[in-house]
PDB file of N, CA and C in Angstrom:
ATOM      1  N   UNK A   1      65.546 -44.790 287.461  1.00  0.00           N
ATOM      2  CA  UNK A   1      65.260 -46.160 287.072  1.00  0.00           C
ATOM      3  C   UNK A   1      65.241 -47.079 288.297  1.00  0.00           C
ATOM      4  N   UNK A   2      66.274 -47.020 289.129  1.00  0.00           N
ATOM      5  CA  UNK A   2      66.330 -47.854 290.321  1.00  0.00           C
ATOM      6  C   UNK A   2      65.170 -47.522 291.250  1.00  0.00           C
ATOM      7  N   UNK A   3      64.855 -46.226 291.366  1.00  0.00           N
ATOM      8  CA  UNK A   3      63.730 -45.806 292.202  1.00  0.00           C
ATOM      9  C   UNK A   3      62.428 -46.435 291.713  1.00  0.00           C
ATOM     10  N   UNK A   4      62.213 -46.447 290.387  1.00  0.00           N
ATOM     11  CA  UNK A   4      61.000 -47.034 289.821  1.00  0.00           C
ATOM     12  C   UNK A   4      60.923 -48.530 290.099  1.00  0.00           C
ATOM     13  N   UNK A   5      62.036 -49.226 289.993  1.00  0.00           N
ATOM     14  CA  UNK A   5      62.063 -50.657 290.251  1.00  0.00           C
ATOM     15  C   UNK A   5      61.731 -50.937 291.713  1.00  0.00           C
ATOM     16  N   UNK A   6      62.310 -50.161 292.620  1.00  0.00           N
ATOM     17  CA  UNK A   6      62.028 -50.334 294.041  1.00  0.00           C
ATOM     18  C   UNK A   6      60.577 -50.022 294.356  1.00  0.00           C
ATOM     19  N   UNK A   7      60.043 -48.987 293.720  1.00  0.00           N
ATOM     20  CA  UNK A   7      58.650 -48.617 293.948  1.00  0.00           C
ATOM     21  C   UNK A   7      57.724 -49.737 293.487  1.00  0.00           C
ATOM     22  N   UNK A   8      57.976 -50.319 292.325  1.00  0.00           N
ATOM     23  CA  UNK A   8      57.162 -51.426 291.813  1.00  0.00           C
ATOM     24  C   UNK A   8      57.257 -52.616 292.763  1.00  0.00           C
ATOM     25  N   UNK A   9      58.451 -52.921 293.250  1.00  0.00           N
ATOM     26  CA  UNK A   9      58.640 -54.027 294.183  1.00  0.00           C
ATOM     27  C   UNK A   9      57.838 -53.795 295.454  1.00  0.00           C
ATOM     28  N   UNK A  10      57.921 -52.592 296.004  1.00  0.00           N
ATOM     29  CA  UNK A  10      57.206 -52.265 297.236  1.00  0.00           C
ATOM     30  C   UNK A  10      55.699 -52.346 297.036  1.00  0.00           C
ATOM     31  N   UNK A  11      55.205 -51.773 295.961  1.00  0.00           N
ATOM     32  CA  UNK A  11      53.767 -51.781 295.688  1.00  0.00           C
ATOM     33  C   UNK A  11      53.280 -53.208 295.504  1.00  0.00           C
ATOM     34  N   UNK A  12      54.065 -54.044 294.838  1.00  0.00           N
ATOM     35  CA  UNK A  12      53.691 -55.436 294.633  1.00  0.00           C
ATOM     36  C   UNK A  12      53.563 -56.160 295.969  1.00  0.00           C
ATOM     37  N   UNK A  13      54.448 -55.859 296.893  1.00  0.00           N
ATOM     38  CA  UNK A  13      54.410 -56.501 298.203  1.00  0.00           C
ATOM     39  C   UNK A  13      53.153 -56.157 298.989  1.00  0.00           C
ATOM     40  N   UNK A  14      52.650 -54.934 298.841  1.00  0.00           N
ATOM     41  CA  UNK A  14      51.525 -54.518 299.670  1.00  0.00           C
ATOM     42  C   UNK A  14      50.173 -54.619 298.964  1.00  0.00           C
ATOM     43  N   UNK A  15      50.137 -55.160 297.742  1.00  0.00           N
ATOM     44  CA  UNK A  15      48.863 -55.359 297.065  1.00  0.00           C
ATOM     45  C   UNK A  15      48.104 -56.491 297.744  1.00  0.00           C
ATOM     46  N   UNK A  16      46.827 -56.547 297.490  1.00  0.00           N
ATOM     47  CA  UNK A  16      45.976 -57.549 298.145  1.00  0.00           C
ATOM     48  C   UNK A  16      46.568 -58.946 297.959  1.00  0.00           C
ATOM     49  N   UNK A  17      46.622 -59.692 299.045  1.00  0.00           N
ATOM     50  CA  UNK A  17      47.275 -60.998 299.024  1.00  0.00           C
ATOM     51  C   UNK A  17      46.562 -62.031 298.154  1.00  0.00           C
ATOM     52  N   UNK A  18      45.311 -61.815 297.816  1.00  0.00           N
ATOM     53  CA  UNK A  18      44.594 -62.791 296.992  1.00  0.00           C
ATOM     54  C   UNK A  18      44.967 -62.684 295.510  1.00  0.00           C
ATOM     55  N   UNK A  19      45.629 -61.611 295.122  1.00  0.00           N
ATOM     56  CA  UNK A  19      46.007 -61.445 293.721  1.00  0.00           C
ATOM     57  C   UNK A  19      47.233 -62.287 293.397  1.00  0.00           C
ATOM     58  N   UNK A  20      47.211 -62.926 292.249  1.00  0.00           N
ATOM     59  CA  UNK A  20      48.350 -63.688 291.758  1.00  0.00           C
ATOM     60  C   UNK A  20      49.423 -62.717 291.260  1.00  0.00           C
ATOM     61  N   UNK A  21      50.658 -63.192 291.157  1.00  0.00           N
ATOM     62  CA  UNK A  21      51.761 -62.339 290.704  1.00  0.00           C
ATOM     63  C   UNK A  21      51.510 -61.740 289.323  1.00  0.00           C
ATOM     64  N   UNK A  22      50.933 -62.506 288.412  1.00  0.00           N
ATOM     65  CA  UNK A  22      50.665 -61.980 287.072  1.00  0.00           C
ATOM     66  C   UNK A  22      49.602 -60.889 287.135  1.00  0.00           C
ATOM     67  N   UNK A  23      48.620 -61.034 288.002  1.00  0.00           N
ATOM     68  CA  UNK A  23      47.592 -60.001 288.147  1.00  0.00           C
ATOM     69  C   UNK A  23      48.195 -58.712 288.702  1.00  0.00           C
ATOM     70  N   UNK A  24      49.078 -58.837 289.668  1.00  0.00           N
ATOM     71  CA  UNK A  24      49.763 -57.672 290.226  1.00  0.00           C
ATOM     72  C   UNK A  24      50.604 -56.990 289.146  1.00  0.00           C
ATOM     73  N   UNK A  25      51.306 -57.805 288.358  1.00  0.00           N
ATOM     74  CA  UNK A  25      52.142 -57.259 287.281  1.00  0.00           C
ATOM     75  C   UNK A  25      51.293 -56.465 286.294  1.00  0.00           C
ATOM     76  N   UNK A  26      50.185 -57.044 285.851  1.00  0.00           N
ATOM     77  CA  UNK A  26      49.321 -56.370 284.883  1.00  0.00           C
ATOM     78  C   UNK A  26      48.789 -55.045 285.430  1.00  0.00           C
ATOM     79  N   UNK A  27      48.365 -55.045 286.678  1.00  0.00           N
ATOM     80  CA  UNK A  27      47.843 -53.821 287.292  1.00  0.00           C
ATOM     81  C   UNK A  27      48.912 -52.739 287.314  1.00  0.00           C
ATOM     82  N   UNK A  28      50.120 -53.114 287.716  1.00  0.00           N
ATOM     83  CA  UNK A  28      51.205 -52.131 287.789  1.00  0.00           C
ATOM     84  C   UNK A  28      51.633 -51.647 286.403  1.00  0.00           C
ATOM     85  N   UNK A  29      51.632 -52.539 285.429  1.00  0.00           N
ATOM     86  CA  UNK A  29      52.045 -52.161 284.077  1.00  0.00           C
ATOM     87  C   UNK A  29      51.028 -51.220 283.436  1.00  0.00           C
ATOM     88  N   UNK A  30      49.741 -51.522 283.609  1.00  0.00           N
ATOM     89  CA  UNK A  30      48.707 -50.615 283.080  1.00  0.00           C
ATOM     90  C   UNK A  30      48.851 -49.248 283.735  1.00  0.00           C
ATOM     91  N   UNK A  31      49.068 -49.231 285.041  1.00  0.00           N
ATOM     92  CA  UNK A  31      49.240 -47.964 285.756  1.00  0.00           C
ATOM     93  C   UNK A  31      50.436 -47.175 285.211  1.00  0.00           C
ATOM     94  N   UNK A  32      51.550 -47.872 285.015  1.00  0.00           N
ATOM     95  CA  UNK A  32      52.757 -47.218 284.484  1.00  0.00           C
ATOM     96  C   UNK A  32      52.497 -46.590 283.120  1.00  0.00           C
ATOM     97  N   UNK A  33      51.876 -47.346 282.224  1.00  0.00           N
ATOM     98  CA  UNK A  33      51.597 -46.832 280.879  1.00  0.00           C
ATOM     99  C   UNK A  33      50.555 -45.720 280.939  1.00  0.00           C
ATOM    100  N   UNK A  34      49.543 -45.892 281.768  1.00  0.00           N
ATOM    101  CA  UNK A  34      48.512 -44.851 281.934  1.00  0.00           C
ATOM    102  C   UNK A  34      49.142 -43.543 282.364  1.00  0.00           C
ATOM    103  N   UNK A  35      50.017 -43.591 283.366  1.00  0.00           N
ATOM    104  CA  UNK A  35      50.666 -42.373 283.860  1.00  0.00           C
ATOM    105  C   UNK A  35      51.603 -41.773 282.814  1.00  0.00           C
ATOM    106  N   UNK A  36      52.322 -42.615 282.096  1.00  0.00           N
ATOM    107  CA  UNK A  36      53.220 -42.137 281.037  1.00  0.00           C
ATOM    108  C   UNK A  36      52.449 -41.408 279.945  1.00  0.00           C
ATOM    109  N   UNK A  37      51.255 -41.898 279.637  1.00  0.00           N
ATOM    110  CA  UNK A  37      50.414 -41.287 278.597  1.00  0.00           C
ATOM    111  C   UNK A  37      49.615 -40.094 279.116  1.00  0.00           C
ATOM    112  N   UNK A  38      49.710 -39.811 280.425  1.00  0.00           N
ATOM    113  CA  UNK A  38      49.063 -38.626 280.986  1.00  0.00           C
ATOM    114  C   UNK A  38      47.584 -38.782 281.309  1.00  0.00           C
ATOM    115  N   UNK A  39      47.124 -40.009 281.484  1.00  0.00           N
ATOM    116  CA  UNK A  39      45.721 -40.246 281.830  1.00  0.00           C
ATOM    117  C   UNK A  39      45.560 -40.373 283.339  1.00  0.00           C
ATOM    118  N   UNK A  40      44.517 -39.759 283.868  1.00  0.00           N
ATOM    119  CA  UNK A  40      44.155 -39.990 285.264  1.00  0.00           C
ATOM    120  C   UNK A  40      43.351 -41.286 285.326  1.00  0.00           C
ATOM    121  N   UNK A  41      43.161 -41.799 286.527  1.00  0.00           N
ATOM    122  CA  UNK A  41      42.326 -42.985 286.700  1.00  0.00           C
ATOM    123  C   UNK A  41      40.916 -42.710 286.193  1.00  0.00           C
ATOM    124  N   UNK A  42      40.396 -41.548 286.528  1.00  0.00           N
ATOM    125  CA  UNK A  42      39.037 -41.197 286.125  1.00  0.00           C
ATOM    126  C   UNK A  42      38.901 -41.093 284.613  1.00  0.00           C
ATOM    127  N   UNK A  43      39.871 -40.434 283.968  1.00  0.00           N
ATOM    128  CA  UNK A  43      39.826 -40.283 282.515  1.00  0.00           C
ATOM    129  C   UNK A  43      39.831 -41.639 281.817  1.00  0.00           C
ATOM    130  N   UNK A  44      40.707 -42.533 282.276  1.00  0.00           N
ATOM    131  CA  UNK A  44      40.781 -43.848 281.639  1.00  0.00           C
ATOM    132  C   UNK A  44      39.496 -44.640 281.897  1.00  0.00           C
ATOM    133  N   UNK A  45      38.982 -44.585 283.103  1.00  0.00           N
ATOM    134  CA  UNK A  45      37.730 -45.283 283.416  1.00  0.00           C
ATOM    135  C   UNK A  45      36.609 -44.861 282.473  1.00  0.00           C
ATOM    136  N   UNK A  46      36.428 -43.569 282.329  1.00  0.00           N
ATOM    137  CA  UNK A  46      35.360 -43.055 281.476  1.00  0.00           C
ATOM    138  C   UNK A  46      35.622 -43.350 279.998  1.00  0.00           C
ATOM    139  N   UNK A  47      36.900 -43.329 279.594  1.00  0.00           N
ATOM    140  CA  UNK A  47      37.254 -43.582 278.193  1.00  0.00           C
ATOM    141  C   UNK A  47      36.952 -45.006 277.753  1.00  0.00           C
ATOM    142  N   UNK A  48      36.919 -45.945 278.704  1.00  0.00           N
ATOM    143  CA  UNK A  48      36.594 -47.330 278.346  1.00  0.00           C
ATOM    144  C   UNK A  48      35.141 -47.677 278.682  1.00  0.00           C
ATOM    145  N   UNK A  49      34.353 -46.650 279.016  1.00  0.00           N
ATOM    146  CA  UNK A  49      32.931 -46.854 279.240  1.00  0.00           C
ATOM    147  C   UNK A  49      32.568 -47.415 280.603  1.00  0.00           C
ATOM    148  N   UNK A  50      33.453 -47.242 281.560  1.00  0.00           N
ATOM    149  CA  UNK A  50      33.199 -47.744 282.921  1.00  0.00           C
ATOM    150  C   UNK A  50      32.872 -46.575 283.842  1.00  0.00           C
ATOM    151  N   UNK A  51      32.481 -46.894 285.083  1.00  0.00           N
ATOM    152  CA  UNK A  51      32.194 -45.812 286.028  1.00  0.00           C
ATOM    153  C   UNK A  51      33.489 -45.123 286.438  1.00  0.00           C
ATOM    154  N   UNK A  52      33.358 -43.963 286.995  1.00  0.00           N
ATOM    155  CA  UNK A  52      34.505 -43.087 287.263  1.00  0.00           C
ATOM    156  C   UNK A  52      35.539 -43.701 288.208  1.00  0.00           C
ATOM    157  N   UNK A  53      35.139 -44.661 289.037  1.00  0.00           N
ATOM    158  CA  UNK A  53      36.072 -45.257 290.004  1.00  0.00           C
ATOM    159  C   UNK A  53      36.611 -46.620 289.570  1.00  0.00           C
ATOM    160  N   UNK A  54      36.310 -47.062 288.373  1.00  0.00           N
ATOM    161  CA  UNK A  54      36.693 -48.403 287.929  1.00  0.00           C
ATOM    162  C   UNK A  54      38.196 -48.651 288.053  1.00  0.00           C
ATOM    163  N   UNK A  55      39.006 -47.795 287.465  1.00  0.00           N
ATOM    164  CA  UNK A  55      40.461 -47.986 287.491  1.00  0.00           C
ATOM    165  C   UNK A  55      40.996 -47.832 288.907  1.00  0.00           C
ATOM    166  N   UNK A  56      40.493 -46.881 289.662  1.00  0.00           N
ATOM    167  CA  UNK A  56      40.978 -46.686 291.028  1.00  0.00           C
ATOM    168  C   UNK A  56      40.680 -47.906 291.899  1.00  0.00           C
ATOM    169  N   UNK A  57      39.564 -48.583 291.648  1.00  0.00           N
ATOM    170  CA  UNK A  57      39.254 -49.798 292.404  1.00  0.00           C
ATOM    171  C   UNK A  57      40.259 -50.911 292.107  1.00  0.00           C
ATOM    172  N   UNK A  58      40.695 -50.996 290.872  1.00  0.00           N
ATOM    173  CA  UNK A  58      41.677 -52.019 290.504  1.00  0.00           C
ATOM    174  C   UNK A  58      43.060 -51.653 291.034  1.00  0.00           C
ATOM    175  N   UNK A  59      43.436 -50.391 290.943  1.00  0.00           N
ATOM    176  CA  UNK A  59      44.753 -49.973 291.391  1.00  0.00           C
ATOM    177  C   UNK A  59      44.871 -49.854 292.913  1.00  0.00           C
ATOM    178  N   UNK A  60      43.745 -49.867 293.627  1.00  0.00           N
ATOM    179  CA  UNK A  60      43.771 -49.778 295.085  1.00  0.00           C
ATOM    180  C   UNK A  60      44.417 -51.040 295.654  1.00  0.00           C
ATOM    181  N   UNK A  61      45.365 -50.850 296.532  1.00  0.00           N
ATOM    182  CA  UNK A  61      46.120 -51.975 297.066  1.00  0.00           C
ATOM    183  C   UNK A  61      45.287 -52.904 297.947  1.00  0.00           C
ATOM    184  N   UNK A  62      44.219 -52.393 298.511  1.00  0.00           N
ATOM    185  CA  UNK A  62      43.422 -53.192 299.444  1.00  0.00           C
ATOM    186  C   UNK A  62      42.282 -53.949 298.758  1.00  0.00           C
ATOM    187  N   UNK A  63      42.114 -53.763 297.473  1.00  0.00           N
ATOM    188  CA  UNK A  63      40.981 -54.359 296.750  1.00  0.00           C
ATOM    189  C   UNK A  63      41.400 -55.630 296.007  1.00  0.00           C
ATOM    190  N   UNK A  64      40.418 -56.485 295.754  1.00  0.00           N
ATOM    191  CA  UNK A  64      40.643 -57.717 295.014  1.00  0.00           C
ATOM    192  C   UNK A  64      40.354 -57.549 293.520  1.00  0.00           C
ATOM    193  N   UNK A  65      39.901 -56.376 293.121  1.00  0.00           N
ATOM    194  CA  UNK A  65      39.521 -56.135 291.726  1.00  0.00           C
ATOM    195  C   UNK A  65      40.722 -56.340 290.810  1.00  0.00           C
ATOM    196  N   UNK A  66      40.447 -56.813 289.594  1.00  0.00           N
ATOM    197  CA  UNK A  66      41.508 -57.047 288.626  1.00  0.00           C
ATOM    198  C   UNK A  66      40.970 -56.884 287.214  1.00  0.00           C
ATOM    199  N   UNK A  67      41.874 -56.841 286.248  1.00  0.00           N
ATOM    200  CA  UNK A  67      41.498 -56.688 284.848  1.00  0.00           C
ATOM    201  C   UNK A  67      41.156 -58.042 284.231  1.00  0.00           C
ATOM    202  N   UNK A  68      40.337 -58.005 283.182  1.00  0.00           N
ATOM    203  CA  UNK A  68      40.151 -59.181 282.340  1.00  0.00           C
ATOM    204  C   UNK A  68      40.676 -58.825 280.952  1.00  0.00           C
ATOM    205  N   UNK A  69      40.775 -59.800 280.071  1.00  0.00           N
ATOM    206  CA  UNK A  69      41.390 -59.553 278.764  1.00  0.00           C
ATOM    207  C   UNK A  69      40.586 -58.572 277.912  1.00  0.00           C
ATOM    208  N   UNK A  70      39.293 -58.566 278.056  1.00  0.00           N
ATOM    209  CA  UNK A  70      38.466 -57.626 277.294  1.00  0.00           C
ATOM    210  C   UNK A  70      38.770 -56.196 277.723  1.00  0.00           C
ATOM    211  N   UNK A  71      38.846 -55.987 279.027  1.00  0.00           N
ATOM    212  CA  UNK A  71      39.159 -54.651 279.547  1.00  0.00           C
ATOM    213  C   UNK A  71      40.571 -54.233 279.163  1.00  0.00           C
ATOM    214  N   UNK A  72      41.518 -55.159 279.219  1.00  0.00           N
ATOM    215  CA  UNK A  72      42.893 -54.827 278.814  1.00  0.00           C
ATOM    216  C   UNK A  72      42.944 -54.399 277.351  1.00  0.00           C
ATOM    217  N   UNK A  73      42.145 -55.041 276.513  1.00  0.00           N
ATOM    218  CA  UNK A  73      42.099 -54.660 275.107  1.00  0.00           C
ATOM    219  C   UNK A  73      41.510 -53.254 274.932  1.00  0.00           C
ATOM    220  N   UNK A  74      40.438 -52.945 275.668  1.00  0.00           N
ATOM    221  CA  UNK A  74      39.850 -51.594 275.613  1.00  0.00           C
ATOM    222  C   UNK A  74      40.852 -50.539 276.078  1.00  0.00           C
ATOM    223  N   UNK A  75      41.560 -50.840 277.153  1.00  0.00           N
ATOM    224  CA  UNK A  75      42.563 -49.904 277.684  1.00  0.00           C
ATOM    225  C   UNK A  75      43.669 -49.683 276.660  1.00  0.00           C
ATOM    226  N   UNK A  76      44.103 -50.748 276.006  1.00  0.00           N
ATOM    227  CA  UNK A  76      45.150 -50.623 274.987  1.00  0.00           C
ATOM    228  C   UNK A  76      44.700 -49.715 273.844  1.00  0.00           C
ATOM    229  N   UNK A  77      43.443 -49.835 273.442  1.00  0.00           N
ATOM    230  CA  UNK A  77      42.919 -48.960 272.386  1.00  0.00           C
ATOM    231  C   UNK A  77      42.981 -47.499 272.813  1.00  0.00           C
ATOM    232  N   UNK A  78      42.550 -47.220 274.029  1.00  0.00           N
ATOM    233  CA  UNK A  78      42.524 -45.838 274.527  1.00  0.00           C
ATOM    234  C   UNK A  78      43.941 -45.290 274.695  1.00  0.00           C
ATOM    235  N   UNK A  79      44.846 -46.121 275.208  1.00  0.00           N
ATOM    236  CA  UNK A  79      46.218 -45.663 275.443  1.00  0.00           C
ATOM    237  C   UNK A  79      47.096 -45.747 274.200  1.00  0.00           C
ATOM    238  N   UNK A  80      46.504 -46.197 273.094  1.00  0.00           N
ATOM    239  CA  UNK A  80      47.216 -46.287 271.817  1.00  0.00           C
ATOM    240  C   UNK A  80      48.480 -47.150 271.940  1.00  0.00           C
ATOM    241  N   UNK A  81      48.284 -48.341 272.488  1.00  0.00           N
ATOM    242  CA  UNK A  81      49.383 -49.291 272.602  1.00  0.00           C
ATOM    243  C   UNK A  81      48.826 -50.681 272.309  1.00  0.00           C
ATOM    244  N   UNK A  82      49.671 -51.668 272.378  1.00  0.00           N
ATOM    245  CA  UNK A  82      49.239 -53.043 272.160  1.00  0.00           C
ATOM    246  C   UNK A  82      48.902 -53.699 273.497  1.00  0.00           C
ATOM    247  N   UNK A  83      47.908 -54.588 273.535  1.00  0.00           N
ATOM    248  CA  UNK A  83      47.639 -55.309 274.779  1.00  0.00           C
ATOM    249  C   UNK A  83      48.861 -56.080 275.273  1.00  0.00           C
ATOM    250  N   UNK A  84      49.725 -56.496 274.345  1.00  0.00           N
ATOM    251  CA  UNK A  84      50.917 -57.242 274.769  1.00  0.00           C
ATOM    252  C   UNK A  84      51.901 -56.366 275.548  1.00  0.00           C
ATOM    253  N   UNK A  85      51.746 -55.047 275.453  1.00  0.00           N
ATOM    254  CA  UNK A  85      52.610 -54.145 276.231  1.00  0.00           C
ATOM    255  C   UNK A  85      52.377 -54.281 277.735  1.00  0.00           C
ATOM    256  N   UNK A  86      51.242 -54.843 278.124  1.00  0.00           N
ATOM    257  CA  UNK A  86      50.922 -55.005 279.540  1.00  0.00           C
ATOM    258  C   UNK A  86      51.504 -56.280 280.133  1.00  0.00           C
ATOM    259  N   UNK A  87      51.902 -57.207 279.282  1.00  0.00           N
ATOM    260  CA  UNK A  87      52.343 -58.530 279.729  1.00  0.00           C
ATOM    261  C   UNK A  87      53.863 -58.620 279.832  1.00  0.00           C
ATOM    262  N   UNK A  88      54.376 -59.438 280.766  1.00  0.00           N
ATOM    263  CA  UNK A  88      55.833 -59.634 280.861  1.00  0.00           C
ATOM    264  C   UNK A  88      56.351 -60.424 279.679  1.00  0.00           C
ATOM    265  N   UNK A  89      57.650 -60.290 279.407  1.00  0.00           N
ATOM    266  CA  UNK A  89      58.245 -61.032 278.299  1.00  0.00           C
ATOM    267  C   UNK A  89      58.288 -62.529 278.569  1.00  0.00           C
ATOM    268  N   UNK A  90      58.449 -62.877 279.834  1.00  0.00           N
ATOM    269  CA  UNK A  90      58.523 -64.297 280.222  1.00  0.00           C
ATOM    270  C   UNK A  90      57.464 -64.552 281.295  1.00  0.00           C
ATOM    271  N   UNK A  91      57.107 -65.814 281.426  1.00  0.00           N
ATOM    272  CA  UNK A  91      56.122 -66.201 282.437  1.00  0.00           C
ATOM    273  C   UNK A  91      56.639 -65.858 283.841  1.00  0.00           C
ATOM    274  N   UNK A  92      55.721 -65.496 284.695  1.00  0.00           N
ATOM    275  CA  UNK A  92      56.081 -65.152 286.070  1.00  0.00           C
ATOM    276  C   UNK A  92      55.800 -66.366 286.956  1.00  0.00           C
TER     277      UNK A  92
END
């Protein structure tokens, strides 16, 4: 648990500086749930009708790419969860 928290903190620090904190949070949360459900980046990209590198472009630390609410809803359908599972309980 502590290792996961430290890893999230470190990854958040090195993500593209143009991303807002909420955008970084959403990217990391989708990644966490995706990995827990056993989906690769490629599998999830194709499952939501995007090109094979779509998710990897968003999860790449050097990129400015981010999710929109429509994409988050599609991802939630594929991962069999609620879109609210991607959001923090309190404002960041």
